[in-house]
Amino acid sequence: MGKNDYMQTIIGLLVVIHLIGLAVLMGASLALLPAARKGRGFVPELMFHGIAIIFVSGIFLIVAALFQSEVENVAALIIKIVVVMVMVVMILTKRKNNDLTAAFFSAILGLTALNVALSIMV
């Protein structure tokens, strides 16, 4: 097994971890939509952990891609970074609120879907 094979395995594992973080974030957002429609939405620890997984694994994926010189579309990469940073700021600033509306969770779901779409289509 050569150096490139090990790197491809590491990148594959990072992609799986990144997808798990996306699933956690989407699942937590969907689960809280009914409470949010009643004005009782809150940011659970699960959402915080989901965005942390996305953020950290994304950084490692970027480093791995740069290490292999495989960055093909820099614009899409920058957009993904901005989308994740917006989600991080949203979740961290609303972490202590207990009266979040469905609009907050819909925005998180939309941004997460955008992140997935950028990953797959670009």
PDB file of N, CA and C in Angstrom:
ATOM      1  N   MET A   1       0.845  -1.179   0.000  1.00  0.00           N
ATOM      2  CA  MET A   1       0.000   0.000   0.000  1.00  0.00           C
ATOM      3  C   MET A   1       0.889   1.240   0.000  1.00  0.00           C
ATOM      4  N   GLY A   2       0.731   2.076  -1.008  1.00  0.00           N
ATOM      5  CA  GLY A   2       1.568   3.260  -1.127  1.00  0.00           C
ATOM      6  C   GLY A   2       1.027   4.433  -0.337  1.00  0.00           C
ATOM      7  N   LYS A   3       1.794   5.500  -0.373  1.00  0.00           N
ATOM      8  CA  LYS A   3       1.427   6.731   0.350  1.00  0.00           C
ATOM      9  C   LYS A   3       0.087   7.272  -0.133  1.00  0.00           C
ATOM     10  N   ASN A   4      -0.161   7.210  -1.439  1.00  0.00           N
ATOM     11  CA  ASN A   4      -1.394   7.715  -2.011  1.00  0.00           C
ATOM     12  C   ASN A   4      -2.594   6.886  -1.558  1.00  0.00           C
ATOM     13  N   ASP A   5      -2.403   5.566  -1.401  1.00  0.00           N
ATOM     14  CA  ASP A   5      -3.485   4.706  -0.935  1.00  0.00           C
ATOM     15  C   ASP A   5      -3.883   5.045   0.491  1.00  0.00           C
ATOM     16  N   TYR A   6      -2.905   5.294   1.338  1.00  0.00           N
ATOM     17  CA  TYR A   6      -3.208   5.682   2.717  1.00  0.00           C
ATOM     18  C   TYR A   6      -3.964   7.009   2.757  1.00  0.00           C
ATOM     19  N   MET A   7      -3.536   7.922   1.913  1.00  0.00           N
ATOM     20  CA  MET A   7      -4.185   9.236   1.883  1.00  0.00           C
ATOM     21  C   MET A   7      -5.629   9.112   1.407  1.00  0.00           C
ATOM     22  N   GLN A   8      -5.876   8.279   0.411  1.00  0.00           N
ATOM     23  CA  GLN A   8      -7.245   8.079  -0.068  1.00  0.00           C
ATOM     24  C   GLN A   8      -8.117   7.447   1.009  1.00  0.00           C
ATOM     25  N   THR A   9      -7.554   6.542   1.796  1.00  0.00           N
ATOM     26  CA  THR A   9      -8.293   5.940   2.902  1.00  0.00           C
ATOM     27  C   THR A   9      -8.628   6.981   3.957  1.00  0.00           C
ATOM     28  N   ILE A  10      -7.688   7.830   4.286  1.00  0.00           N
ATOM     29  CA  ILE A  10      -7.911   8.891   5.276  1.00  0.00           C
ATOM     30  C   ILE A  10      -8.985   9.855   4.777  1.00  0.00           C
ATOM     31  N   ILE A  11      -8.909  10.239   3.513  1.00  0.00           N
ATOM     32  CA  ILE A  11      -9.907  11.147   2.949  1.00  0.00           C
ATOM     33  C   ILE A  11     -11.283  10.491   2.967  1.00  0.00           C
ATOM     34  N   GLY A  12     -11.343   9.217   2.628  1.00  0.00           N
ATOM     35  CA  GLY A  12     -12.620   8.495   2.678  1.00  0.00           C
ATOM     36  C   GLY A  12     -13.222   8.482   4.070  1.00  0.00           C
ATOM     37  N   LEU A  13     -12.393   8.228   5.077  1.00  0.00           N
ATOM     38  CA  LEU A  13     -12.871   8.238   6.465  1.00  0.00           C
ATOM     39  C   LEU A  13     -13.337   9.634   6.884  1.00  0.00           C
ATOM     40  N   LEU A  14     -12.612  10.650   6.457  1.00  0.00           N
ATOM     41  CA  LEU A  14     -13.007  12.026   6.777  1.00  0.00           C
ATOM     42  C   LEU A  14     -14.339  12.387   6.126  1.00  0.00           C
ATOM     43  N   VAL A  15     -14.557  11.920   4.905  1.00  0.00           N
ATOM     44  CA  VAL A  15     -15.836  12.182   4.233  1.00  0.00           C
ATOM     45  C   VAL A  15     -16.974  11.507   4.989  1.00  0.00           C
ATOM     46  N   VAL A  16     -16.767  10.285   5.445  1.00  0.00           N
ATOM     47  CA  VAL A  16     -17.792   9.585   6.222  1.00  0.00           C
ATOM     48  C   VAL A  16     -18.089  10.340   7.513  1.00  0.00           C
ATOM     49  N   ILE A  17     -17.062  10.778   8.208  1.00  0.00           N
ATOM     50  CA  ILE A  17     -17.246  11.543   9.445  1.00  0.00           C
ATOM     51  C   ILE A  17     -17.978  12.844   9.148  1.00  0.00           C
ATOM     52  N   HIS A  18     -17.630  13.507   8.067  1.00  0.00           N
ATOM     53  CA  HIS A  18     -18.285  14.758   7.666  1.00  0.00           C
ATOM     54  C   HIS A  18     -19.770  14.514   7.391  1.00  0.00           C
ATOM     55  N   LEU A  19     -20.089  13.437   6.691  1.00  0.00           N
ATOM     56  CA  LEU A  19     -21.487  13.104   6.404  1.00  0.00           C
ATOM     57  C   LEU A  19     -22.264  12.761   7.670  1.00  0.00           C
ATOM     58  N   ILE A  20     -21.609  12.117   8.622  1.00  0.00           N
ATOM     59  CA  ILE A  20     -22.265  11.829   9.902  1.00  0.00           C
ATOM     60  C   ILE A  20     -22.607  13.130  10.612  1.00  0.00           C
ATOM     61  N   GLY A  21     -21.695  14.086  10.606  1.00  0.00           N
ATOM     62  CA  GLY A  21     -21.981  15.394  11.205  1.00  0.00           C
ATOM     63  C   GLY A  21     -23.147  16.083  10.533  1.00  0.00           C
ATOM     64  N   LEU A  22     -23.207  16.021   9.204  1.00  0.00           N
ATOM     65  CA  LEU A  22     -24.332  16.608   8.470  1.00  0.00           C
ATOM     66  C   LEU A  22     -25.643  15.922   8.850  1.00  0.00           C
ATOM     67  N   ALA A  23     -25.621  14.595   8.968  1.00  0.00           N
ATOM     68  CA  ALA A  23     -26.829  13.855   9.341  1.00  0.00           C
ATOM     69  C   ALA A  23     -27.274  14.206  10.759  1.00  0.00           C
ATOM     70  N   VAL A  24     -26.327  14.339  11.666  1.00  0.00           N
ATOM     71  CA  VAL A  24     -26.653  14.717  13.048  1.00  0.00           C
ATOM     72  C   VAL A  24     -27.305  16.088  13.077  1.00  0.00           C
ATOM     73  N   LEU A  25     -26.732  17.036  12.359  1.00  0.00           N
ATOM     74  CA  LEU A  25     -27.263  18.401  12.348  1.00  0.00           C
ATOM     75  C   LEU A  25     -28.656  18.448  11.722  1.00  0.00           C
ATOM     76  N   MET A  26     -28.833  17.751  10.615  1.00  0.00           N
ATOM     77  CA  MET A  26     -30.145  17.734   9.964  1.00  0.00           C
ATOM     78  C   MET A  26     -31.171  17.010  10.832  1.00  0.00           C
ATOM     79  N   GLY A  27     -30.794  15.903  11.426  1.00  0.00           N
ATOM     80  CA  GLY A  27     -31.718  15.152  12.280  1.00  0.00           C
ATOM     81  C   GLY A  27     -32.165  15.947  13.491  1.00  0.00           C
ATOM     82  N   ALA A  28     -31.230  16.620  14.139  1.00  0.00           N
ATOM     83  CA  ALA A  28     -31.580  17.429  15.310  1.00  0.00           C
ATOM     84  C   ALA A  28     -32.483  18.591  14.910  1.00  0.00           C
ATOM     85  N   SER A  29     -32.208  19.203  13.775  1.00  0.00           N
ATOM     86  CA  SER A  29     -33.048  20.320  13.313  1.00  0.00           C
ATOM     87  C   SER A  29     -34.454  19.849  12.987  1.00  0.00           C
ATOM     88  N   LEU A  30     -34.557  18.720  12.300  1.00  0.00           N
ATOM     89  CA  LEU A  30     -35.878  18.186  11.967  1.00  0.00           C
ATOM     90  C   LEU A  30     -36.650  17.767  13.212  1.00  0.00           C
ATOM     91  N   ALA A  31     -35.955  17.199  14.186  1.00  0.00           N
ATOM     92  CA  ALA A  31     -36.619  16.760  15.410  1.00  0.00           C
ATOM     93  C   ALA A  31     -37.170  17.930  16.224  1.00  0.00           C
ATOM     94  N   LEU A  32     -36.536  19.087  16.120  1.00  0.00           N
ATOM     95  CA  LEU A  32     -36.966  20.241  16.911  1.00  0.00           C
ATOM     96  C   LEU A  32     -37.946  21.150  16.194  1.00  0.00           C
ATOM     97  N   LEU A  33     -38.244  20.887  14.938  1.00  0.00           N
ATOM     98  CA  LEU A  33     -39.194  21.735  14.208  1.00  0.00           C
ATOM     99  C   LEU A  33     -40.577  21.804  14.869  1.00  0.00           C
ATOM    100  N   PRO A  34     -41.153  20.692  15.359  1.00  0.00           N
ATOM    101  CA  PRO A  34     -42.467  20.809  16.005  1.00  0.00           C
ATOM    102  C   PRO A  34     -42.462  21.729  17.232  1.00  0.00           C
ATOM    103  N   ALA A  35     -41.445  21.625  18.056  1.00  0.00           N
ATOM    104  CA  ALA A  35     -41.348  22.509  19.230  1.00  0.00           C
ATOM    105  C   ALA A  35     -41.111  23.952  18.798  1.00  0.00           C
ATOM    106  N   ALA A  36     -40.334  24.132  17.745  1.00  0.00           N
ATOM    107  CA  ALA A  36     -40.031  25.482  17.268  1.00  0.00           C
ATOM    108  C   ALA A  36     -41.272  26.155  16.696  1.00  0.00           C
ATOM    109  N   ARG A  37     -42.157  25.378  16.102  1.00  0.00           N
ATOM    110  CA  ARG A  37     -43.396  25.956  15.574  1.00  0.00           C
ATOM    111  C   ARG A  37     -44.267  26.517  16.691  1.00  0.00           C
ATOM    112  N   LYS A  38     -44.070  26.003  17.893  1.00  0.00           N
ATOM    113  CA  LYS A  38     -44.801  26.508  19.063  1.00  0.00           C
ATOM    114  C   LYS A  38     -44.003  27.576  19.811  1.00  0.00           C
ATOM    115  N   GLY A  39     -42.845  27.959  19.264  1.00  0.00           N
ATOM    116  CA  GLY A  39     -42.018  28.982  19.889  1.00  0.00           C
ATOM    117  C   GLY A  39     -41.174  28.487  21.042  1.00  0.00           C
ATOM    118  N   ARG A  40     -40.975  27.177  21.125  1.00  0.00           N
ATOM    119  CA  ARG A  40     -40.189  26.598  22.225  1.00  0.00           C
ATOM    120  C   ARG A  40     -38.936  25.896  21.729  1.00  0.00           C
ATOM    121  N   GLY A  41     -38.439  26.307  20.589  1.00  0.00           N
ATOM    122  CA  GLY A  41     -37.248  25.680  20.044  1.00  0.00           C
ATOM    123  C   GLY A  41     -35.991  26.097  20.793  1.00  0.00           C
ATOM    124  N   PHE A  42     -35.021  25.218  20.817  1.00  0.00           N
ATOM    125  CA  PHE A  42     -33.745  25.495  21.468  1.00  0.00           C
ATOM    126  C   PHE A  42     -32.646  24.748  20.719  1.00  0.00           C
ATOM    127  N   VAL A  43     -31.420  25.143  20.952  1.00  0.00           N
ATOM    128  CA  VAL A  43     -30.275  24.475  20.327  1.00  0.00           C
ATOM    129  C   VAL A  43     -29.761  23.420  21.297  1.00  0.00           C
ATOM    130  N   PRO A  44     -29.990  22.133  20.990  1.00  0.00           N
ATOM    131  CA  PRO A  44     -29.490  21.091  21.892  1.00  0.00           C
ATOM    132  C   PRO A  44     -27.997  20.845  21.682  1.00  0.00           C
ATOM    133  N   GLU A  45     -27.402  20.146  22.592  1.00  0.00           N
ATOM    134  CA  GLU A  45     -25.983  19.799  22.483  1.00  0.00           C
ATOM    135  C   GLU A  45     -25.707  19.014  21.203  1.00  0.00           C
ATOM    136  N   LEU A  46     -26.685  18.234  20.772  1.00  0.00           N
ATOM    137  CA  LEU A  46     -26.512  17.433  19.565  1.00  0.00           C
ATOM    138  C   LEU A  46     -26.231  18.308  18.343  1.00  0.00           C
ATOM    139  N   MET A  47     -26.918  19.448  18.220  1.00  0.00           N
ATOM    140  CA  MET A  47     -26.655  20.354  17.110  1.00  0.00           C
ATOM    141  C   MET A  47     -25.259  20.954  17.221  1.00  0.00           C
ATOM    142  N   PHE A  48     -24.867  21.303  18.425  1.00  0.00           N
ATOM    143  CA  PHE A  48     -23.534  21.849  18.644  1.00  0.00           C
ATOM    144  C   PHE A  48     -22.473  20.820  18.248  1.00  0.00           C
ATOM    145  N   HIS A  49     -22.667  19.576  18.649  1.00  0.00           N
ATOM    146  CA  HIS A  49     -21.703  18.531  18.297  1.00  0.00           C
ATOM    147  C   HIS A  49     -21.713  18.257  16.795  1.00  0.00           C
ATOM    148  N   GLY A  50     -22.885  18.305  16.178  1.00  0.00           N
ATOM    149  CA  GLY A  50     -22.973  18.090  14.732  1.00  0.00           C
ATOM    150  C   GLY A  50     -22.197  19.142  13.958  1.00  0.00           C
ATOM    151  N   ILE A  51     -22.367  20.413  14.321  1.00  0.00           N
ATOM    152  CA  ILE A  51     -21.648  21.471  13.604  1.00  0.00           C
ATOM    153  C   ILE A  51     -20.149  21.400  13.909  1.00  0.00           C
ATOM    154  N   ALA A  52     -19.790  20.980  15.114  1.00  0.00           N
ATOM    155  CA  ALA A  52     -18.367  20.824  15.442  1.00  0.00           C
ATOM    156  C   ALA A  52     -17.737  19.721  14.592  1.00  0.00           C
ATOM    157  N   ILE A  53     -18.460  18.617  14.402  1.00  0.00           N
ATOM    158  CA  ILE A  53     -17.956  17.521  13.566  1.00  0.00           C
ATOM    159  C   ILE A  53     -17.788  18.002  12.129  1.00  0.00           C
ATOM    160  N   ILE A  54     -18.788  18.731  11.626  1.00  0.00           N
ATOM    161  CA  ILE A  54     -18.720  19.249  10.259  1.00  0.00           C
ATOM    162  C   ILE A  54     -17.528  20.188  10.107  1.00  0.00           C
ATOM    163  N   PHE A  55     -17.367  21.091  11.047  1.00  0.00           N
ATOM    164  CA  PHE A  55     -16.311  22.098  10.971  1.00  0.00           C
ATOM    165  C   PHE A  55     -14.925  21.454  11.007  1.00  0.00           C
ATOM    166  N   VAL A  56     -14.693  20.594  11.985  1.00  0.00           N
ATOM    167  CA  VAL A  56     -13.359  19.989  12.150  1.00  0.00           C
ATOM    168  C   VAL A  56     -13.036  19.038  10.997  1.00  0.00           C
ATOM    169  N   SER A  57     -13.986  18.166  10.636  1.00  0.00           N
ATOM    170  CA  SER A  57     -13.709  17.244   9.535  1.00  0.00           C
ATOM    171  C   SER A  57     -13.547  18.000   8.215  1.00  0.00           C
ATOM    172  N   GLY A  58     -14.280  19.103   8.041  1.00  0.00           N
ATOM    173  CA  GLY A  58     -14.123  19.920   6.837  1.00  0.00           C
ATOM    174  C   GLY A  58     -12.745  20.533   6.735  1.00  0.00           C
ATOM    175  N   ILE A  59     -12.235  21.013   7.863  1.00  0.00           N
ATOM    176  CA  ILE A  59     -10.883  21.574   7.857  1.00  0.00           C
ATOM    177  C   ILE A  59      -9.858  20.498   7.489  1.00  0.00           C
ATOM    178  N   PHE A  60     -10.005  19.318   8.064  1.00  0.00           N
ATOM    179  CA  PHE A  60      -9.075  18.233   7.726  1.00  0.00           C
ATOM    180  C   PHE A  60      -9.202  17.818   6.265  1.00  0.00           C
ATOM    181  N   LEU A  61     -10.425  17.841   5.721  1.00  0.00           N
ATOM    182  CA  LEU A  61     -10.608  17.512   4.309  1.00  0.00           C
ATOM    183  C   LEU A  61      -9.928  18.541   3.408  1.00  0.00           C
ATOM    184  N   ILE A  62     -10.032  19.810   3.781  1.00  0.00           N
ATOM    185  CA  ILE A  62      -9.371  20.861   2.998  1.00  0.00           C
ATOM    186  C   ILE A  62      -7.862  20.674   3.038  1.00  0.00           C
ATOM    187  N   VAL A  63      -7.325  20.400   4.213  1.00  0.00           N
ATOM    188  CA  VAL A  63      -5.880  20.196   4.349  1.00  0.00           C
ATOM    189  C   VAL A  63      -5.436  18.980   3.532  1.00  0.00           C
ATOM    190  N   ALA A  64      -6.216  17.905   3.593  1.00  0.00           N
ATOM    191  CA  ALA A  64      -5.862  16.706   2.829  1.00  0.00           C
ATOM    192  C   ALA A  64      -5.901  16.977   1.327  1.00  0.00           C
ATOM    193  N   ALA A  65      -6.900  17.735   0.881  1.00  0.00           N
ATOM    194  CA  ALA A  65      -6.985  18.065  -0.548  1.00  0.00           C
ATOM    195  C   ALA A  65      -5.822  18.955  -0.970  1.00  0.00           C
ATOM    196  N   LEU A  66      -5.466  19.912  -0.133  1.00  0.00           N
ATOM    197  CA  LEU A  66      -4.332  20.775  -0.451  1.00  0.00           C
ATOM    198  C   LEU A  66      -3.025  19.996  -0.448  1.00  0.00           C
ATOM    199  N   PHE A  67      -2.929  19.032   0.469  1.00  0.00           N
ATOM    200  CA  PHE A  67      -1.732  18.208   0.558  1.00  0.00           C
ATOM    201  C   PHE A  67      -1.531  17.401  -0.723  1.00  0.00           C
ATOM    202  N   GLN A  68      -2.631  16.967  -1.314  1.00  0.00           N
ATOM    203  CA  GLN A  68      -2.561  16.183  -2.541  1.00  0.00           C
ATOM    204  C   GLN A  68      -2.686  17.046  -3.797  1.00  0.00           C
ATOM    205  N   SER A  69      -2.813  18.339  -3.630  1.00  0.00           N
ATOM    206  CA  SER A  69      -2.989  19.277  -4.754  1.00  0.00           C
ATOM    207  C   SER A  69      -4.211  18.920  -5.589  1.00  0.00           C
ATOM    208  N   GLU A  70      -5.320  18.592  -4.907  1.00  0.00           N
ATOM    209  CA  GLU A  70      -6.539  18.174  -5.599  1.00  0.00           C
ATOM    210  C   GLU A  70      -7.676  19.184  -5.470  1.00  0.00           C
ATOM    211  N   VAL A  71      -7.370  20.415  -5.179  1.00  0.00           N
ATOM    212  CA  VAL A  71      -8.414  21.427  -5.080  1.00  0.00           C
ATOM    213  C   VAL A  71      -8.746  21.872  -6.499  1.00  0.00           C
ATOM    214  N   GLU A  72      -9.946  21.480  -6.969  1.00  0.00           N
ATOM    215  CA  GLU A  72     -10.332  21.763  -8.340  1.00  0.00           C
ATOM    216  C   GLU A  72     -11.140  23.051  -8.454  1.00  0.00           C
ATOM    217  N   ASN A  73     -12.051  23.263  -7.530  1.00  0.00           N
ATOM    218  CA  ASN A  73     -12.936  24.413  -7.620  1.00  0.00           C
ATOM    219  C   ASN A  73     -12.811  25.226  -6.334  1.00  0.00           C
ATOM    220  N   VAL A  74     -11.976  26.209  -6.371  1.00  0.00           N
ATOM    221  CA  VAL A  74     -11.705  27.019  -5.184  1.00  0.00           C
ATOM    222  C   VAL A  74     -12.935  27.828  -4.781  1.00  0.00           C
ATOM    223  N   ALA A  75     -13.693  28.308  -5.760  1.00  0.00           N
ATOM    224  CA  ALA A  75     -14.890  29.106  -5.456  1.00  0.00           C
ATOM    225  C   ALA A  75     -15.899  28.289  -4.643  1.00  0.00           C
ATOM    226  N   ALA A  76     -16.133  27.042  -5.037  1.00  0.00           N
ATOM    227  CA  ALA A  76     -17.060  26.193  -4.295  1.00  0.00           C
ATOM    228  C   ALA A  76     -16.541  25.923  -2.886  1.00  0.00           C
ATOM    229  N   LEU A  77     -15.255  25.746  -2.762  1.00  0.00           N
ATOM    230  CA  LEU A  77     -14.645  25.515  -1.453  1.00  0.00           C
ATOM    231  C   LEU A  77     -14.838  26.727  -0.547  1.00  0.00           C
ATOM    232  N   ILE A  78     -14.647  27.913  -1.092  1.00  0.00           N
ATOM    233  CA  ILE A  78     -14.835  29.135  -0.307  1.00  0.00           C
ATOM    234  C   ILE A  78     -16.299  29.295   0.097  1.00  0.00           C
ATOM    235  N   ILE A  79     -17.218  28.992  -0.812  1.00  0.00           N
ATOM    236  CA  ILE A  79     -18.645  29.078  -0.488  1.00  0.00           C
ATOM    237  C   ILE A  79     -18.991  28.095   0.622  1.00  0.00           C
ATOM    238  N   LYS A  80     -18.463  26.873   0.548  1.00  0.00           N
ATOM    239  CA  LYS A  80     -18.719  25.889   1.607  1.00  0.00           C
ATOM    240  C   LYS A  80     -18.194  26.375   2.954  1.00  0.00           C
ATOM    241  N   ILE A  81     -17.013  26.978   2.962  1.00  0.00           N
ATOM    242  CA  ILE A  81     -16.450  27.500   4.208  1.00  0.00           C
ATOM    243  C   ILE A  81     -17.339  28.602   4.770  1.00  0.00           C
ATOM    244  N   VAL A  82     -17.803  29.494   3.912  1.00  0.00           N
ATOM    245  CA  VAL A  82     -18.682  30.581   4.357  1.00  0.00           C
ATOM    246  C   VAL A  82     -19.993  30.022   4.899  1.00  0.00           C
ATOM    247  N   VAL A  83     -20.580  29.041   4.212  1.00  0.00           N
ATOM    248  CA  VAL A  83     -21.841  28.441   4.668  1.00  0.00           C
ATOM    249  C   VAL A  83     -21.660  27.809   6.045  1.00  0.00           C
ATOM    250  N   VAL A  84     -20.590  27.064   6.228  1.00  0.00           N
ATOM    251  CA  VAL A  84     -20.351  26.424   7.530  1.00  0.00           C
ATOM    252  C   VAL A  84     -20.104  27.470   8.615  1.00  0.00           C
ATOM    253  N   MET A  85     -19.367  28.515   8.283  1.00  0.00           N
ATOM    254  CA  MET A  85     -19.121  29.566   9.280  1.00  0.00           C
ATOM    255  C   MET A  85     -20.430  30.267   9.673  1.00  0.00           C
ATOM    256  N   VAL A  86     -21.327  30.491   8.720  1.00  0.00           N
ATOM    257  CA  VAL A  86     -22.631  31.085   9.035  1.00  0.00           C
ATOM    258  C   VAL A  86     -23.406  30.163   9.980  1.00  0.00           C
ATOM    259  N   MET A  87     -23.376  28.859   9.711  1.00  0.00           N
ATOM    260  CA  MET A  87     -24.069  27.912  10.590  1.00  0.00           C
ATOM    261  C   MET A  87     -23.448  27.901  11.983  1.00  0.00           C
ATOM    262  N   VAL A  88     -22.129  27.936  12.056  1.00  0.00           N
ATOM    263  CA  VAL A  88     -21.451  27.956  13.360  1.00  0.00           C
ATOM    264  C   VAL A  88     -21.877  29.188  14.152  1.00  0.00           C
ATOM    265  N   VAL A  89     -21.869  30.337  13.508  1.00  0.00           N
ATOM    266  CA  VAL A  89     -22.255  31.581  14.192  1.00  0.00           C
ATOM    267  C   VAL A  89     -23.712  31.513  14.630  1.00  0.00           C
ATOM    268  N   MET A  90     -24.588  31.020  13.757  1.00  0.00           N
ATOM    269  CA  MET A  90     -26.007  30.924  14.122  1.00  0.00           C
ATOM    270  C   MET A  90     -26.206  30.036  15.347  1.00  0.00           C
ATOM    271  N   ILE A  91     -25.568  28.886  15.336  1.00  0.00           N
ATOM    272  CA  ILE A  91     -25.755  27.937  16.437  1.00  0.00           C
ATOM    273  C   ILE A  91     -25.133  28.462  17.723  1.00  0.00           C
ATOM    274  N   LEU A  92     -23.950  29.028  17.638  1.00  0.00           N
ATOM    275  CA  LEU A  92     -23.295  29.521  18.858  1.00  0.00           C
ATOM    276  C   LEU A  92     -24.018  30.731  19.455  1.00  0.00           C
ATOM    277  N   THR A  93     -24.546  31.615  18.615  1.00  0.00           N
ATOM    278  CA  THR A  93     -25.219  32.800  19.157  1.00  0.00           C
ATOM    279  C   THR A  93     -26.596  32.484  19.720  1.00  0.00           C
ATOM    280  N   LYS A  94     -27.229  31.435  19.243  1.00  0.00           N
ATOM    281  CA  LYS A  94     -28.574  31.078  19.729  1.00  0.00           C
ATOM    282  C   LYS A  94     -28.557  29.919  20.717  1.00  0.00           C
ATOM    283  N   ARG A  95     -27.380  29.554  21.168  1.00  0.00           N
ATOM    284  CA  ARG A  95     -27.239  28.360  22.008  1.00  0.00           C
ATOM    285  C   ARG A  95     -27.990  28.455  23.334  1.00  0.00           C
ATOM    286  N   LYS A  96     -28.129  29.645  23.903  1.00  0.00           N
ATOM    287  CA  LYS A  96     -28.767  29.803  25.211  1.00  0.00           C
ATOM    288  C   LYS A  96     -30.247  30.182  25.119  1.00  0.00           C
ATOM    289  N   ASN A  97     -30.750  30.406  23.886  1.00  0.00           N
ATOM    290  CA  ASN A  97     -32.156  30.795  23.728  1.00  0.00           C
ATOM    291  C   ASN A  97     -33.073  29.579  23.824  1.00  0.00           C
ATOM    292  N   ASN A  98     -34.237  29.775  24.424  1.00  0.00           N
ATOM    293  CA  ASN A  98     -35.226  28.702  24.539  1.00  0.00           C
ATOM    294  C   ASN A  98     -36.517  29.050  23.819  1.00  0.00           C
ATOM    295  N   ASP A  99     -36.488  30.053  22.964  1.00  0.00           N
ATOM    296  CA  ASP A  99     -37.702  30.472  22.269  1.00  0.00           C
ATOM    297  C   ASP A  99     -37.463  30.628  20.767  1.00  0.00           C
ATOM    298  N   LEU A 100     -36.679  29.740  20.203  1.00  0.00           N
ATOM    299  CA  LEU A 100     -36.355  29.829  18.778  1.00  0.00           C
ATOM    300  C   LEU A 100     -37.554  29.402  17.940  1.00  0.00           C
ATOM    301  N   THR A 101     -37.703  30.032  16.791  1.00  0.00           N
ATOM    302  CA  THR A 101     -38.827  29.728  15.911  1.00  0.00           C
ATOM    303  C   THR A 101     -38.416  28.719  14.845  1.00  0.00           C
ATOM    304  N   ALA A 102     -39.397  28.307  14.066  1.00  0.00           N
ATOM    305  CA  ALA A 102     -39.136  27.346  12.995  1.00  0.00           C
ATOM    306  C   ALA A 102     -38.235  27.942  11.924  1.00  0.00           C
ATOM    307  N   ALA A 103     -38.230  29.267  11.783  1.00  0.00           N
ATOM    308  CA  ALA A 103     -37.386  29.909  10.771  1.00  0.00           C
ATOM    309  C   ALA A 103     -35.902  29.615  11.029  1.00  0.00           C
ATOM    310  N   PHE A 104     -35.497  29.605  12.282  1.00  0.00           N
ATOM    311  CA  PHE A 104     -34.098  29.309  12.624  1.00  0.00           C
ATOM    312  C   PHE A 104     -33.724  27.909  12.158  1.00  0.00           C
ATOM    313  N   PHE A 105     -34.557  26.930  12.490  1.00  0.00           N
ATOM    314  CA  PHE A 105     -34.251  25.547  12.129  1.00  0.00           C
ATOM    315  C   PHE A 105     -34.381  25.323  10.626  1.00  0.00           C
ATOM    316  N   SER A 106     -35.297  26.033   9.985  1.00  0.00           N
ATOM    317  CA  SER A 106     -35.413  25.949   8.529  1.00  0.00           C
ATOM    318  C   SER A 106     -34.162  26.516   7.862  1.00  0.00           C
ATOM    319  N   ALA A 107     -33.626  27.597   8.414  1.00  0.00           N
ATOM    320  CA  ALA A 107     -32.389  28.168   7.871  1.00  0.00           C
ATOM    321  C   ALA A 107     -31.229  27.197   8.031  1.00  0.00           C
ATOM    322  N   ILE A 108     -31.129  26.557   9.179  1.00  0.00           N
ATOM    323  CA  ILE A 108     -30.071  25.563   9.398  1.00  0.00           C
ATOM    324  C   ILE A 108     -30.230  24.410   8.419  1.00  0.00           C
ATOM    325  N   LEU A 109     -31.458  23.937   8.234  1.00  0.00           N
ATOM    326  CA  LEU A 109     -31.699  22.846   7.286  1.00  0.00           C
ATOM    327  C   LEU A 109     -31.339  23.265   5.861  1.00  0.00           C
ATOM    328  N   GLY A 110     -31.714  24.466   5.478  1.00  0.00           N
ATOM    329  CA  GLY A 110     -31.395  24.948   4.139  1.00  0.00           C
ATOM    330  C   GLY A 110     -29.905  25.081   3.905  1.00  0.00           C
ATOM    331  N   LEU A 111     -29.206  25.631   4.888  1.00  0.00           N
ATOM    332  CA  LEU A 111     -27.754  25.780   4.758  1.00  0.00           C
ATOM    333  C   LEU A 111     -27.052  24.422   4.738  1.00  0.00           C
ATOM    334  N   THR A 112     -27.567  23.477   5.515  1.00  0.00           N
ATOM    335  CA  THR A 112     -26.983  22.127   5.509  1.00  0.00           C
ATOM    336  C   THR A 112     -27.204  21.468   4.159  1.00  0.00           C
ATOM    337  N   ALA A 113     -28.415  21.618   3.616  1.00  0.00           N
ATOM    338  CA  ALA A 113     -28.703  21.062   2.287  1.00  0.00           C
ATOM    339  C   ALA A 113     -27.820  21.719   1.218  1.00  0.00           C
ATOM    340  N   LEU A 114     -27.604  23.018   1.330  1.00  0.00           N
ATOM    341  CA  LEU A 114     -26.712  23.722   0.400  1.00  0.00           C
ATOM    342  C   LEU A 114     -25.289  23.167   0.488  1.00  0.00           C
ATOM    343  N   ASN A 115     -24.839  22.911   1.713  1.00  0.00           N
ATOM    344  CA  ASN A 115     -23.504  22.350   1.922  1.00  0.00           C
ATOM    345  C   ASN A 115     -23.389  20.980   1.257  1.00  0.00           C
ATOM    346  N   VAL A 116     -24.412  20.148   1.418  1.00  0.00           N
ATOM    347  CA  VAL A 116     -24.394  18.816   0.780  1.00  0.00           C
ATOM    348  C   VAL A 116     -24.410  18.956  -0.730  1.00  0.00           C
ATOM    349  N   ALA A 117     -25.256  19.845  -1.241  1.00  0.00           N
ATOM    350  CA  ALA A 117     -25.348  20.022  -2.688  1.00  0.00           C
ATOM    351  C   ALA A 117     -24.018  20.503  -3.278  1.00  0.00           C
ATOM    352  N   LEU A 118     -23.363  21.437  -2.599  1.00  0.00           N
ATOM    353  CA  LEU A 118     -22.067  21.913  -3.085  1.00  0.00           C
ATOM    354  C   LEU A 118     -21.031  20.787  -3.064  1.00  0.00           C
ATOM    355  N   SER A 119     -21.107  19.944  -2.061  1.00  0.00           N
ATOM    356  CA  SER A 119     -20.152  18.836  -1.973  1.00  0.00           C
ATOM    357  C   SER A 119     -20.334  17.842  -3.107  1.00  0.00           C
ATOM    358  N   ILE A 120     -21.571  17.585  -3.454  1.00  0.00           N
ATOM    359  CA  ILE A 120     -21.850  16.553  -4.449  1.00  0.00           C
ATOM    360  C   ILE A 120     -21.729  17.078  -5.879  1.00  0.00           C
ATOM    361  N   MET A 121     -22.269  18.279  -6.112  1.00  0.00           N
ATOM    362  CA  MET A 121     -22.354  18.779  -7.484  1.00  0.00           C
ATOM    363  C   MET A 121     -21.081  19.436  -7.996  1.00  0.00           C
ATOM    364  N   VAL A 122     -20.228  19.880  -7.097  1.00  0.00           N
ATOM    365  CA  VAL A 122     -19.047  20.615  -7.549  1.00  0.00           C
ATOM    366  C   VAL A 122     -17.801  19.808  -7.302  1.00  0.00           C
TER     367      VAL A 122
END
